[in-house]
């Protein structure tokens, strides 16, 4: 069965997966493989973007390992395990050579599928798909241990994507609905979640969410309507759809998005047409404009995206017959294929660390 695409986001300075801005030493890429309950690890060459799988991986991890996120200290890694009789989050220590050591597993709600972390690495948010709630944990800076912040927050929504604002003060959740899906807005204070409001989207099934590094605009991939919705973000976290939104994608089933660290380009995984759309973002309006040579062909069913710490390479998780991670080099927004790296089974999320 095709795994639900996830955009797993560690929000630091932007809406992609960014842990450091350095680019002169090895980076490491981690990918969850739910069907095999594994975590595969690659070394990324920071000069070429080429991936090399680490010896001894993939690791056997929690049942159904679905999503992964990395602490900004680069010391700790967390994996959501929604498998049968599991429903927990694994904590791993990260060694300097990228290898992992599992330390503990913390119970959460039912079917934890999405993870997000605040920019300071103080709180971990876990979206539980079956129990329709969000578990929040404080993170010990010394050892990464998790401590629950109250009871899970009840959303009463079927969660499809979760995104923290770069400030860490607001949390956004997309959910399907009829006739239109919604994006729910929540304020966050010391890990405590409070409801702010709801915004309708142009689609019954909004999937991926992305926010620009300044926290000014939110983008929603509308997979059923083949469009992208663009919202301005007020100081209160409230969303207002910008003029001209939604933008017709002209491709099939846009499902995941990521904004580069400079806030200049938006990348979109079009699962149905097996390509990657690239848009330049208009300063002052946040509106995306397709670059002239986009979209760029990819392996079948691209489903989630991550950028390396330098923003020079884009990694795409593919859920078709060639299940694996595809690497692209970035030059002025254009993409150049580097290679595709098999993961054995369908991957569901990726995160990078230096």
C-alpha atoms as a PDB file:
ATOM      1  CA  UNK A   1       0.000   0.000   0.000  1.00  0.00           C
ATOM      2  CA  UNK A   2       1.245   3.452  -0.819  1.00  0.00           C
ATOM      3  CA  UNK A   3       2.329   5.161   2.358  1.00  0.00           C
ATOM      4  CA  UNK A   4       0.770   8.515   3.124  1.00  0.00           C
ATOM      5  CA  UNK A   5       3.244  11.165   2.067  1.00  0.00           C
ATOM      6  CA  UNK A   6       4.689  13.147   4.843  1.00  0.00           C
ATOM      7  CA  UNK A   7       6.537  16.361   4.993  1.00  0.00           C
ATOM      8  CA  UNK A   8       8.505  15.972   8.128  1.00  0.00           C
ATOM      9  CA  UNK A   9       9.789  19.365   9.137  1.00  0.00           C
ATOM     10  CA  UNK A  10      12.362  20.488  11.658  1.00  0.00           C
ATOM     11  CA  UNK A  11      11.716  24.213  11.705  1.00  0.00           C
ATOM     12  CA  UNK A  12      14.816  26.269  12.305  1.00  0.00           C
ATOM     13  CA  UNK A  13      15.329  29.123   9.899  1.00  0.00           C
ATOM     14  CA  UNK A  14      13.012  27.901   7.201  1.00  0.00           C
ATOM     15  CA  UNK A  15      10.274  25.489   6.264  1.00  0.00           C
ATOM     16  CA  UNK A  16      12.547  22.668   5.118  1.00  0.00           C
ATOM     17  CA  UNK A  17      14.748  20.325   7.082  1.00  0.00           C
ATOM     18  CA  UNK A  18      17.730  22.476   8.026  1.00  0.00           C
ATOM     19  CA  UNK A  19      20.039  21.740  10.909  1.00  0.00           C
ATOM     20  CA  UNK A  20      23.187  23.692  10.131  1.00  0.00           C
ATOM     21  CA  UNK A  21      24.439  26.133   7.533  1.00  0.00           C
ATOM     22  CA  UNK A  22      27.889  24.595   7.284  1.00  0.00           C
ATOM     23  CA  UNK A  23      28.887  22.797   4.096  1.00  0.00           C
ATOM     24  CA  UNK A  24      32.522  21.721   4.510  1.00  0.00           C
ATOM     25  CA  UNK A  25      32.078  18.365   6.290  1.00  0.00           C
ATOM     26  CA  UNK A  26      29.955  15.284   5.865  1.00  0.00           C
ATOM     27  CA  UNK A  27      26.218  15.533   6.330  1.00  0.00           C
ATOM     28  CA  UNK A  28      24.014  12.546   7.110  1.00  0.00           C
ATOM     29  CA  UNK A  29      20.596  11.683   5.746  1.00  0.00           C
ATOM     30  CA  UNK A  30      18.143   9.465   7.636  1.00  0.00           C
ATOM     31  CA  UNK A  31      15.110   7.828   5.997  1.00  0.00           C
ATOM     32  CA  UNK A  32      12.304   5.870   7.653  1.00  0.00           C
ATOM     33  CA  UNK A  33      11.158   2.632   5.982  1.00  0.00           C
ATOM     34  CA  UNK A  34       7.774   1.700   7.512  1.00  0.00           C
ATOM     35  CA  UNK A  35       7.179  -1.647   5.788  1.00  0.00           C
ATOM     36  CA  UNK A  36      10.504  -3.007   7.080  1.00  0.00           C
ATOM     37  CA  UNK A  37      10.514  -1.053  10.375  1.00  0.00           C
ATOM     38  CA  UNK A  38      13.932   0.320   9.476  1.00  0.00           C
ATOM     39  CA  UNK A  39      15.954   3.522   9.434  1.00  0.00           C
ATOM     40  CA  UNK A  40      18.492   3.776   6.624  1.00  0.00           C
ATOM     41  CA  UNK A  41      21.436   6.188   6.906  1.00  0.00           C
ATOM     42  CA  UNK A  42      23.441   7.821   4.110  1.00  0.00           C
ATOM     43  CA  UNK A  43      26.502  10.010   4.205  1.00  0.00           C
ATOM     44  CA  UNK A  44      26.039  13.075   1.993  1.00  0.00           C
ATOM     45  CA  UNK A  45      29.071  14.519   0.266  1.00  0.00           C
ATOM     46  CA  UNK A  46      28.639  18.285   0.856  1.00  0.00           C
ATOM     47  CA  UNK A  47      30.536  19.098  -2.342  1.00  0.00           C
ATOM     48  CA  UNK A  48      28.526  16.909  -4.726  1.00  0.00           C
ATOM     49  CA  UNK A  49      25.311  15.869  -2.949  1.00  0.00           C
ATOM     50  CA  UNK A  50      26.147  12.209  -3.640  1.00  0.00           C
ATOM     51  CA  UNK A  51      24.846   9.748  -1.040  1.00  0.00           C
ATOM     52  CA  UNK A  52      26.705   6.699   0.294  1.00  0.00           C
ATOM     53  CA  UNK A  53      24.884   4.282   2.586  1.00  0.00           C
ATOM     54  CA  UNK A  54      26.606   3.765   5.918  1.00  0.00           C
ATOM     55  CA  UNK A  55      27.846   0.272   6.673  1.00  0.00           C
ATOM     56  CA  UNK A  56      25.658  -1.537   9.187  1.00  0.00           C
ATOM     57  CA  UNK A  57      22.486   0.235   8.101  1.00  0.00           C
ATOM     58  CA  UNK A  58      19.564   0.113   7.782  1.00  0.00           C
ATOM     59  CA  UNK A  59      18.894  -0.127  11.499  1.00  0.00           C
ATOM     60  CA  UNK A  60      16.013  -2.178  12.845  1.00  0.00           C
ATOM     61  CA  UNK A  61      13.812   0.343  14.682  1.00  0.00           C
ATOM     62  CA  UNK A  62      10.269   0.567  16.078  1.00  0.00           C
ATOM     63  CA  UNK A  63       7.403  -1.132  14.276  1.00  0.00           C
ATOM     64  CA  UNK A  64       6.168   0.875  11.297  1.00  0.00           C
ATOM     65  CA  UNK A  65       8.760   3.661  11.720  1.00  0.00           C
ATOM     66  CA  UNK A  66       7.005   6.514   9.930  1.00  0.00           C
ATOM     67  CA  UNK A  67       8.698   9.876  10.478  1.00  0.00           C
ATOM     68  CA  UNK A  68      12.006  11.255  11.699  1.00  0.00           C
ATOM     69  CA  UNK A  69      13.201  14.580  13.099  1.00  0.00           C
ATOM     70  CA  UNK A  70      16.593  15.762  14.375  1.00  0.00           C
ATOM     71  CA  UNK A  71      17.406  17.990  17.354  1.00  0.00           C
ATOM     72  CA  UNK A  72      19.178  21.278  16.436  1.00  0.00           C
ATOM     73  CA  UNK A  73      22.120  20.270  18.638  1.00  0.00           C
ATOM     74  CA  UNK A  74      22.719  17.410  16.146  1.00  0.00           C
ATOM     75  CA  UNK A  75      22.976  15.063  19.152  1.00  0.00           C
ATOM     76  CA  UNK A  76      19.525  13.450  19.151  1.00  0.00           C
ATOM     77  CA  UNK A  77      17.175  11.881  16.622  1.00  0.00           C
ATOM     78  CA  UNK A  78      13.520  10.924  17.109  1.00  0.00           C
ATOM     79  CA  UNK A  79      11.398   8.424  15.158  1.00  0.00           C
ATOM     80  CA  UNK A  80       7.614   8.002  15.357  1.00  0.00           C
ATOM     81  CA  UNK A  81       6.593   4.332  15.460  1.00  0.00           C
ATOM     82  CA  UNK A  82       2.864   3.796  14.729  1.00  0.00           C
ATOM     83  CA  UNK A  83       3.041   0.014  14.273  1.00  0.00           C
ATOM     84  CA  UNK A  84       0.914  -2.616  15.988  1.00  0.00           C
ATOM     85  CA  UNK A  85       1.384  -2.631  19.783  1.00  0.00           C
ATOM     86  CA  UNK A  86       4.005   0.118  19.375  1.00  0.00           C
ATOM     87  CA  UNK A  87       2.598   3.696  19.316  1.00  0.00           C
ATOM     88  CA  UNK A  88       5.720   5.355  20.670  1.00  0.00           C
ATOM     89  CA  UNK A  89       8.625   7.648  19.794  1.00  0.00           C
ATOM     90  CA  UNK A  90      12.201   6.355  19.766  1.00  0.00           C
ATOM     91  CA  UNK A  91      15.105   8.496  20.969  1.00  0.00           C
ATOM     92  CA  UNK A  92      18.539   7.913  19.434  1.00  0.00           C
ATOM     93  CA  UNK A  93      21.930   9.410  20.238  1.00  0.00           C
ATOM     94  CA  UNK A  94      23.790  10.550  17.099  1.00  0.00           C
ATOM     95  CA  UNK A  95      27.533   9.861  16.956  1.00  0.00           C
ATOM     96  CA  UNK A  96      29.928  12.158  15.108  1.00  0.00           C
ATOM     97  CA  UNK A  97      30.164   9.613  12.277  1.00  0.00           C
ATOM     98  CA  UNK A  98      26.380   9.570  11.791  1.00  0.00           C
ATOM     99  CA  UNK A  99      25.749   6.230  13.478  1.00  0.00           C
ATOM    100  CA  UNK A 100      22.936   5.860  15.987  1.00  0.00           C
ATOM    101  CA  UNK A 101      22.306   4.289  19.376  1.00  0.00           C
ATOM    102  CA  UNK A 102      18.704   3.851  20.523  1.00  0.00           C
ATOM    103  CA  UNK A 103      18.256   5.117  24.085  1.00  0.00           C
ATOM    104  CA  UNK A 104      14.544   4.821  24.861  1.00  0.00           C
ATOM    105  CA  UNK A 105      10.953   4.679  23.568  1.00  0.00           C
ATOM    106  CA  UNK A 106       8.242   6.964  24.905  1.00  0.00           C
ATOM    107  CA  UNK A 107       4.539   6.043  24.588  1.00  0.00           C
ATOM    108  CA  UNK A 108       2.330   8.545  22.733  1.00  0.00           C
ATOM    109  CA  UNK A 109      -1.203   8.479  21.254  1.00  0.00           C
ATOM    110  CA  UNK A 110      -2.534   6.035  18.663  1.00  0.00           C
ATOM    111  CA  UNK A 111      -0.771   5.927  15.266  1.00  0.00           C
ATOM    112  CA  UNK A 112       1.887   8.651  15.664  1.00  0.00           C
ATOM    113  CA  UNK A 113       2.681   9.686  12.092  1.00  0.00           C
ATOM    114  CA  UNK A 114       4.014  13.270  12.110  1.00  0.00           C
ATOM    115  CA  UNK A 115       6.756  14.953  14.125  1.00  0.00           C
ATOM    116  CA  UNK A 116       7.730  18.617  14.492  1.00  0.00           C
ATOM    117  CA  UNK A 117      10.198  20.393  16.759  1.00  0.00           C
ATOM    118  CA  UNK A 118      10.484  24.039  17.785  1.00  0.00           C
ATOM    119  CA  UNK A 119      13.543  26.032  16.610  1.00  0.00           C
ATOM    120  CA  UNK A 120      15.241  25.896  20.011  1.00  0.00           C
ATOM    121  CA  UNK A 121      14.827  22.144  20.322  1.00  0.00           C
ATOM    122  CA  UNK A 122      12.821  22.553  23.523  1.00  0.00           C
ATOM    123  CA  UNK A 123       9.608  20.778  22.519  1.00  0.00           C
ATOM    124  CA  UNK A 124       8.610  17.835  20.336  1.00  0.00           C
ATOM    125  CA  UNK A 125       5.105  17.685  18.825  1.00  0.00           C
ATOM    126  CA  UNK A 126       3.669  14.315  17.790  1.00  0.00           C
ATOM    127  CA  UNK A 127       0.531  14.117  15.625  1.00  0.00           C
ATOM    128  CA  UNK A 128      -1.418  10.927  16.379  1.00  0.00           C
ATOM    129  CA  UNK A 129      -3.491  10.035  13.310  1.00  0.00           C
ATOM    130  CA  UNK A 130      -5.904   7.556  14.874  1.00  0.00           C
ATOM    131  CA  UNK A 131      -6.588   9.342  18.161  1.00  0.00           C
ATOM    132  CA  UNK A 132      -6.757  12.733  16.347  1.00  0.00           C
ATOM    133  CA  UNK A 133      -4.652  14.492  18.950  1.00  0.00           C
ATOM    134  CA  UNK A 134      -1.175  15.955  19.446  1.00  0.00           C
ATOM    135  CA  UNK A 135       1.217  14.783  22.151  1.00  0.00           C
ATOM    136  CA  UNK A 136       3.689  17.431  23.344  1.00  0.00           C
ATOM    137  CA  UNK A 137       6.966  16.701  25.125  1.00  0.00           C
ATOM    138  CA  UNK A 138       9.646  18.898  26.618  1.00  0.00           C
ATOM    139  CA  UNK A 139      13.175  17.858  25.608  1.00  0.00           C
ATOM    140  CA  UNK A 140      16.020  17.621  28.117  1.00  0.00           C
ATOM    141  CA  UNK A 141      19.017  19.462  26.673  1.00  0.00           C
ATOM    142  CA  UNK A 142      21.459  17.114  28.423  1.00  0.00           C
ATOM    143  CA  UNK A 143      20.259  13.782  27.057  1.00  0.00           C
ATOM    144  CA  UNK A 144      17.256  14.420  24.786  1.00  0.00           C
ATOM    145  CA  UNK A 145      14.835  12.675  27.148  1.00  0.00           C
ATOM    146  CA  UNK A 146      11.128  13.418  26.643  1.00  0.00           C
ATOM    147  CA  UNK A 147       8.714  14.554  29.352  1.00  0.00           C
ATOM    148  CA  UNK A 148       5.016  14.933  28.557  1.00  0.00           C
ATOM    149  CA  UNK A 149       3.563  18.454  28.700  1.00  0.00           C
ATOM    150  CA  UNK A 150       0.083  17.728  30.061  1.00  0.00           C
ATOM    151  CA  UNK A 151      -2.343  15.403  28.299  1.00  0.00           C
ATOM    152  CA  UNK A 152      -2.458  15.094  24.480  1.00  0.00           C
ATOM    153  CA  UNK A 153      -4.222  18.065  22.868  1.00  0.00           C
ATOM    154  CA  UNK A 154      -7.478  17.002  21.236  1.00  0.00           C
ATOM    155  CA  UNK A 155      -7.910  18.390  17.706  1.00  0.00           C
ATOM    156  CA  UNK A 156     -10.964  16.374  16.579  1.00  0.00           C
ATOM    157  CA  UNK A 157      -9.416  16.544  13.107  1.00  0.00           C
ATOM    158  CA  UNK A 158      -8.048  13.897  10.769  1.00  0.00           C
ATOM    159  CA  UNK A 159      -4.450  15.117  10.612  1.00  0.00           C
ATOM    160  CA  UNK A 160      -2.680  15.052   7.233  1.00  0.00           C
ATOM    161  CA  UNK A 161       0.172  17.537   7.701  1.00  0.00           C
ATOM    162  CA  UNK A 162       1.692  19.546  10.547  1.00  0.00           C
ATOM    163  CA  UNK A 163       3.950  22.607  10.375  1.00  0.00           C
ATOM    164  CA  UNK A 164       5.432  24.898  13.025  1.00  0.00           C
ATOM    165  CA  UNK A 165       6.047  28.560  12.235  1.00  0.00           C
ATOM    166  CA  UNK A 166       9.757  29.531  12.263  1.00  0.00           C
ATOM    167  CA  UNK A 167       9.127  31.450  15.492  1.00  0.00           C
ATOM    168  CA  UNK A 168       7.816  28.298  17.150  1.00  0.00           C
ATOM    169  CA  UNK A 169       4.799  30.277  18.372  1.00  0.00           C
ATOM    170  CA  UNK A 170       2.186  28.866  15.994  1.00  0.00           C
ATOM    171  CA  UNK A 171       1.294  25.386  14.834  1.00  0.00           C
ATOM    172  CA  UNK A 172      -0.618  24.651  11.615  1.00  0.00           C
ATOM    173  CA  UNK A 173      -2.449  21.432  10.756  1.00  0.00           C
ATOM    174  CA  UNK A 174      -4.112  20.496   7.468  1.00  0.00           C
ATOM    175  CA  UNK A 175      -7.095  18.155   7.452  1.00  0.00           C
ATOM    176  CA  UNK A 176      -9.447  16.791   4.770  1.00  0.00           C
ATOM    177  CA  UNK A 177     -13.084  17.836   4.661  1.00  0.00           C
ATOM    178  CA  UNK A 178     -16.163  18.277   2.479  1.00  0.00           C
ATOM    179  CA  UNK A 179     -16.617  20.324   0.393  1.00  0.00           C
ATOM    180  CA  UNK A 180     -13.273  21.851   1.367  1.00  0.00           C
ATOM    181  CA  UNK A 181     -10.450  20.854   3.617  1.00  0.00           C
ATOM    182  CA  UNK A 182      -9.166  23.099   6.383  1.00  0.00           C
ATOM    183  CA  UNK A 183      -6.008  24.427   7.953  1.00  0.00           C
ATOM    184  CA  UNK A 184      -6.283  24.751  11.719  1.00  0.00           C
ATOM    185  CA  UNK A 185      -4.206  27.385  13.525  1.00  0.00           C
ATOM    186  CA  UNK A 186      -2.967  26.951  17.096  1.00  0.00           C
ATOM    187  CA  UNK A 187      -0.838  29.171  19.311  1.00  0.00           C
ATOM    188  CA  UNK A 188       1.976  27.529  21.254  1.00  0.00           C
ATOM    189  CA  UNK A 189       3.396  28.796  24.551  1.00  0.00           C
ATOM    190  CA  UNK A 190       5.948  26.679  26.434  1.00  0.00           C
ATOM    191  CA  UNK A 191       4.569  23.640  24.643  1.00  0.00           C
ATOM    192  CA  UNK A 192       0.956  24.400  25.581  1.00  0.00           C
ATOM    193  CA  UNK A 193      -1.366  24.423  22.535  1.00  0.00           C
ATOM    194  CA  UNK A 194      -4.404  26.695  22.195  1.00  0.00           C
ATOM    195  CA  UNK A 195      -6.873  26.861  19.316  1.00  0.00           C
ATOM    196  CA  UNK A 196      -6.807  30.111  17.259  1.00  0.00           C
ATOM    197  CA  UNK A 197      -8.995  29.472  14.216  1.00  0.00           C
ATOM    198  CA  UNK A 198      -9.787  27.574  11.015  1.00  0.00           C
ATOM    199  CA  UNK A 199      -9.151  28.487   7.372  1.00  0.00           C
ATOM    200  CA  UNK A 200     -10.804  26.786   4.402  1.00  0.00           C
ATOM    201  CA  UNK A 201      -8.618  25.610   1.536  1.00  0.00           C
ATOM    202  CA  UNK A 202      -9.324  25.222  -2.171  1.00  0.00           C
ATOM    203  CA  UNK A 203      -9.283  21.448  -1.899  1.00  0.00           C
ATOM    204  CA  UNK A 204     -11.044  18.619  -0.094  1.00  0.00           C
ATOM    205  CA  UNK A 205      -7.690  17.054   0.721  1.00  0.00           C
ATOM    206  CA  UNK A 206      -4.920  19.565   1.506  1.00  0.00           C
ATOM    207  CA  UNK A 207      -1.730  17.619   2.130  1.00  0.00           C
ATOM    208  CA  UNK A 208       1.711  19.195   2.534  1.00  0.00           C
ATOM    209  CA  UNK A 209       2.297  22.542   4.231  1.00  0.00           C
ATOM    210  CA  UNK A 210       5.340  24.807   4.023  1.00  0.00           C
ATOM    211  CA  UNK A 211       6.196  28.208   5.526  1.00  0.00           C
ATOM    212  CA  UNK A 212       8.790  30.692   4.277  1.00  0.00           C
ATOM    213  CA  UNK A 213      11.811  31.409   6.544  1.00  0.00           C
ATOM    214  CA  UNK A 214      10.459  34.812   7.607  1.00  0.00           C
ATOM    215  CA  UNK A 215       7.193  33.249   8.735  1.00  0.00           C
ATOM    216  CA  UNK A 216       5.234  35.550   6.429  1.00  0.00           C
ATOM    217  CA  UNK A 217       3.539  33.052   4.095  1.00  0.00           C
ATOM    218  CA  UNK A 218       2.105  29.562   4.313  1.00  0.00           C
ATOM    219  CA  UNK A 219       1.725  27.281   1.275  1.00  0.00           C
ATOM    220  CA  UNK A 220      -0.677  24.332   1.017  1.00  0.00           C
ATOM    221  CA  UNK A 221      -0.464  21.541  -1.568  1.00  0.00           C
ATOM    222  CA  UNK A 222      -3.984  20.747  -2.777  1.00  0.00           C
ATOM    223  CA  UNK A 223      -3.599  17.239  -4.157  1.00  0.00           C
ATOM    224  CA  UNK A 224      -7.186  16.714  -5.365  1.00  0.00           C
ATOM    225  CA  UNK A 225      -7.596  20.175  -6.935  1.00  0.00           C
ATOM    226  CA  UNK A 226      -4.083  20.233  -8.492  1.00  0.00           C
ATOM    227  CA  UNK A 227      -3.327  23.648  -7.030  1.00  0.00           C
ATOM    228  CA  UNK A 228      -1.311  25.487  -4.402  1.00  0.00           C
ATOM    229  CA  UNK A 229      -2.958  27.811  -1.882  1.00  0.00           C
ATOM    230  CA  UNK A 230      -0.992  30.801  -0.583  1.00  0.00           C
ATOM    231  CA  UNK A 231      -1.791  32.520   2.715  1.00  0.00           C
ATOM    232  CA  UNK A 232      -0.251  35.514   4.452  1.00  0.00           C
ATOM    233  CA  UNK A 233       0.422  34.985   8.154  1.00  0.00           C
ATOM    234  CA  UNK A 234      -0.604  37.737  10.581  1.00  0.00           C
ATOM    235  CA  UNK A 235       1.262  38.459  13.808  1.00  0.00           C
ATOM    236  CA  UNK A 236      -1.557  36.584  15.551  1.00  0.00           C
ATOM    237  CA  UNK A 237      -0.903  33.500  13.394  1.00  0.00           C
ATOM    238  CA  UNK A 238      -4.185  33.943  11.511  1.00  0.00           C
ATOM    239  CA  UNK A 239      -4.142  33.092   7.797  1.00  0.00           C
ATOM    240  CA  UNK A 240      -5.475  35.259   4.966  1.00  0.00           C
ATOM    241  CA  UNK A 241      -5.494  33.946   1.408  1.00  0.00           C
ATOM    242  CA  UNK A 242      -3.494  36.230  -0.892  1.00  0.00           C
ATOM    243  CA  UNK A 243      -4.802  37.669  -4.133  1.00  0.00           C
ATOM    244  CA  UNK A 244      -4.535  35.204  -7.012  1.00  0.00           C
ATOM    245  CA  UNK A 245      -4.583  32.140  -4.748  1.00  0.00           C
ATOM    246  CA  UNK A 246      -4.988  29.253  -5.357  1.00  0.00           C
ATOM    247  CA  UNK A 247      -2.348  28.852  -8.041  1.00  0.00           C
ATOM    248  CA  UNK A 248      -3.133  26.148 -10.610  1.00  0.00           C
ATOM    249  CA  UNK A 249      -0.258  23.659 -10.520  1.00  0.00           C
ATOM    250  CA  UNK A 250      -0.797  22.352 -14.081  1.00  0.00           C
ATOM    251  CA  UNK A 251       0.558  19.035 -12.802  1.00  0.00           C
ATOM    252  CA  UNK A 252      -1.080  16.048 -11.107  1.00  0.00           C
ATOM    253  CA  UNK A 253      -1.470  15.582  -7.343  1.00  0.00           C
ATOM    254  CA  UNK A 254       0.898  18.102  -5.741  1.00  0.00           C
ATOM    255  CA  UNK A 255       1.459  16.502  -2.366  1.00  0.00           C
ATOM    256  CA  UNK A 256       4.487  18.031  -0.626  1.00  0.00           C
ATOM    257  CA  UNK A 257       6.315  21.370  -0.581  1.00  0.00           C
ATOM    258  CA  UNK A 258       9.463  22.951   0.822  1.00  0.00           C
ATOM    259  CA  UNK A 259      10.835  26.532   0.714  1.00  0.00           C
ATOM    260  CA  UNK A 260      14.567  27.147   0.367  1.00  0.00           C
ATOM    261  CA  UNK A 261      16.491  28.775   3.267  1.00  0.00           C
ATOM    262  CA  UNK A 262      16.663  32.126   1.461  1.00  0.00           C
ATOM    263  CA  UNK A 263      12.893  32.177   0.944  1.00  0.00           C
ATOM    264  CA  UNK A 264      13.390  32.588  -2.803  1.00  0.00           C
ATOM    265  CA  UNK A 265      12.134  29.308  -4.244  1.00  0.00           C
ATOM    266  CA  UNK A 266       9.300  26.864  -3.604  1.00  0.00           C
ATOM    267  CA  UNK A 267       9.712  23.191  -4.563  1.00  0.00           C
ATOM    268  CA  UNK A 268       6.651  20.983  -5.083  1.00  0.00           C
ATOM    269  CA  UNK A 269       6.451  17.184  -5.372  1.00  0.00           C
ATOM    270  CA  UNK A 270       3.799  16.305  -7.964  1.00  0.00           C
ATOM    271  CA  UNK A 271       3.048  12.697  -7.121  1.00  0.00           C
ATOM    272  CA  UNK A 272       0.641  12.011  -9.980  1.00  0.00           C
ATOM    273  CA  UNK A 273       2.834  13.391 -12.779  1.00  0.00           C
ATOM    274  CA  UNK A 274       6.155  12.194 -11.311  1.00  0.00           C
ATOM    275  CA  UNK A 275       7.961  15.508 -11.406  1.00  0.00           C
ATOM    276  CA  UNK A 276       9.141  18.381  -9.232  1.00  0.00           C
ATOM    277  CA  UNK A 277       7.739  21.859  -9.755  1.00  0.00           C
ATOM    278  CA  UNK A 278       9.978  24.832  -8.965  1.00  0.00           C
ATOM    279  CA  UNK A 279       8.625  28.333  -8.371  1.00  0.00           C
ATOM    280  CA  UNK A 280      10.329  31.619  -7.593  1.00  0.00           C
ATOM    281  CA  UNK A 281       8.646  33.475  -4.728  1.00  0.00           C
ATOM    282  CA  UNK A 282       7.733  37.095  -5.365  1.00  0.00           C
ATOM    283  CA  UNK A 283       9.099  39.346  -2.636  1.00  0.00           C
ATOM    284  CA  UNK A 284       6.390  41.280  -0.823  1.00  0.00           C
ATOM    285  CA  UNK A 285       3.497  39.104  -1.990  1.00  0.00           C
ATOM    286  CA  UNK A 286       4.766  35.581  -1.444  1.00  0.00           C
ATOM    287  CA  UNK A 287       3.181  34.536  -4.733  1.00  0.00           C
ATOM    288  CA  UNK A 288       4.970  31.708  -6.618  1.00  0.00           C
ATOM    289  CA  UNK A 289       5.892  32.001 -10.298  1.00  0.00           C
ATOM    290  CA  UNK A 290       6.977  28.887 -12.203  1.00  0.00           C
ATOM    291  CA  UNK A 291      10.559  29.072 -13.476  1.00  0.00           C
ATOM    292  CA  UNK A 292      10.872  28.680 -17.227  1.00  0.00           C
ATOM    293  CA  UNK A 293      12.315  25.149 -17.398  1.00  0.00           C
ATOM    294  CA  UNK A 294      10.203  23.571 -14.653  1.00  0.00           C
ATOM    295  CA  UNK A 295       8.834  21.010 -13.868  1.00  0.00           C
ATOM    296  CA  UNK A 296      11.711  18.550 -13.583  1.00  0.00           C
ATOM    297  CA  UNK A 297      11.175  14.827 -14.128  1.00  0.00           C
ATOM    298  CA  UNK A 298      11.677  12.544 -11.139  1.00  0.00           C
ATOM    299  CA  UNK A 299      11.332   8.873 -10.292  1.00  0.00           C
ATOM    300  CA  UNK A 300       7.758   7.611  -9.957  1.00  0.00           C
ATOM    301  CA  UNK A 301       5.474   9.080  -7.277  1.00  0.00           C
ATOM    302  CA  UNK A 302       7.658  11.698  -5.551  1.00  0.00           C
ATOM    303  CA  UNK A 303       6.053  12.120  -2.143  1.00  0.00           C
ATOM    304  CA  UNK A 304       8.209  14.173   0.221  1.00  0.00           C
ATOM    305  CA  UNK A 305      11.076  16.651   0.044  1.00  0.00           C
ATOM    306  CA  UNK A 306      14.039  17.854   2.094  1.00  0.00           C
ATOM    307  CA  UNK A 307      16.884  20.283   1.430  1.00  0.00           C
ATOM    308  CA  UNK A 308      20.405  19.761   2.695  1.00  0.00           C
ATOM    309  CA  UNK A 309      21.849  22.231   5.272  1.00  0.00           C
ATOM    310  CA  UNK A 310      23.520  24.368   2.584  1.00  0.00           C
ATOM    311  CA  UNK A 311      20.372  24.549   0.447  1.00  0.00           C
ATOM    312  CA  UNK A 312      22.421  23.356  -2.538  1.00  0.00           C
ATOM    313  CA  UNK A 313      20.826  19.922  -2.849  1.00  0.00           C
ATOM    314  CA  UNK A 314      17.246  18.670  -2.879  1.00  0.00           C
ATOM    315  CA  UNK A 315      16.339  15.133  -1.786  1.00  0.00           C
ATOM    316  CA  UNK A 316      13.082  13.537  -2.911  1.00  0.00           C
ATOM    317  CA  UNK A 317      11.464  10.443  -1.429  1.00  0.00           C
ATOM    318  CA  UNK A 318       9.831   8.304  -4.127  1.00  0.00           C
ATOM    319  CA  UNK A 319       7.106   5.779  -3.413  1.00  0.00           C
ATOM    320  CA  UNK A 320       6.804   4.106  -6.813  1.00  0.00           C
ATOM    321  CA  UNK A 321       8.449   0.900  -8.038  1.00  0.00           C
ATOM    322  CA  UNK A 322      11.910   2.504  -7.695  1.00  0.00           C
ATOM    323  CA  UNK A 323      11.324   3.232  -3.998  1.00  0.00           C
ATOM    324  CA  UNK A 324      14.245   5.286  -2.766  1.00  0.00           C
ATOM    325  CA  UNK A 325      15.789   8.732  -2.378  1.00  0.00           C
ATOM    326  CA  UNK A 326      16.544  10.845  -5.450  1.00  0.00           C
ATOM    327  CA  UNK A 327      19.148  13.613  -5.246  1.00  0.00           C
ATOM    328  CA  UNK A 328      19.124  16.852  -7.252  1.00  0.00           C
ATOM    329  CA  UNK A 329      21.634  19.672  -7.427  1.00  0.00           C
ATOM    330  CA  UNK A 330      20.199  23.202  -7.340  1.00  0.00           C
ATOM    331  CA  UNK A 331      21.428  26.054  -9.540  1.00  0.00           C
ATOM    332  CA  UNK A 332      19.403  29.283  -9.618  1.00  0.00           C
ATOM    333  CA  UNK A 333      16.292  27.262  -8.824  1.00  0.00           C
ATOM    334  CA  UNK A 334      16.861  24.735 -11.621  1.00  0.00           C
ATOM    335  CA  UNK A 335      17.375  21.074 -10.739  1.00  0.00           C
ATOM    336  CA  UNK A 336      20.063  18.713 -12.036  1.00  0.00           C
ATOM    337  CA  UNK A 337      19.757  14.987 -11.351  1.00  0.00           C
ATOM    338  CA  UNK A 338      22.584  13.547  -9.247  1.00  0.00           C
ATOM    339  CA  UNK A 339      21.368  10.004  -8.652  1.00  0.00           C
ATOM    340  CA  UNK A 340      18.783   7.694  -7.102  1.00  0.00           C
ATOM    341  CA  UNK A 341      19.539   5.584  -4.041  1.00  0.00           C
ATOM    342  CA  UNK A 342      17.487   2.497  -3.244  1.00  0.00           C
ATOM    343  CA  UNK A 343      16.084   1.930   0.226  1.00  0.00           C
ATOM    344  CA  UNK A 344      14.720  -1.575  -0.295  1.00  0.00           C
ATOM    345  CA  UNK A 345      11.166  -0.633   0.638  1.00  0.00           C
ATOM    346  CA  UNK A 346       9.071   2.503   0.346  1.00  0.00           C
ATOM    347  CA  UNK A 347      10.477   5.395   2.412  1.00  0.00           C
ATOM    348  CA  UNK A 348       8.084   7.739   4.238  1.00  0.00           C
ATOM    349  CA  UNK A 349      10.245  10.611   5.520  1.00  0.00           C
ATOM    350  CA  UNK A 350      13.781  11.943   5.547  1.00  0.00           C
ATOM    351  CA  UNK A 351      15.799  14.338   7.693  1.00  0.00           C
ATOM    352  CA  UNK A 352      19.373  15.608   7.394  1.00  0.00           C
ATOM    353  CA  UNK A 353      22.031  16.472   9.921  1.00  0.00           C
ATOM    354  CA  UNK A 354      25.601  17.753   9.598  1.00  0.00           C
END
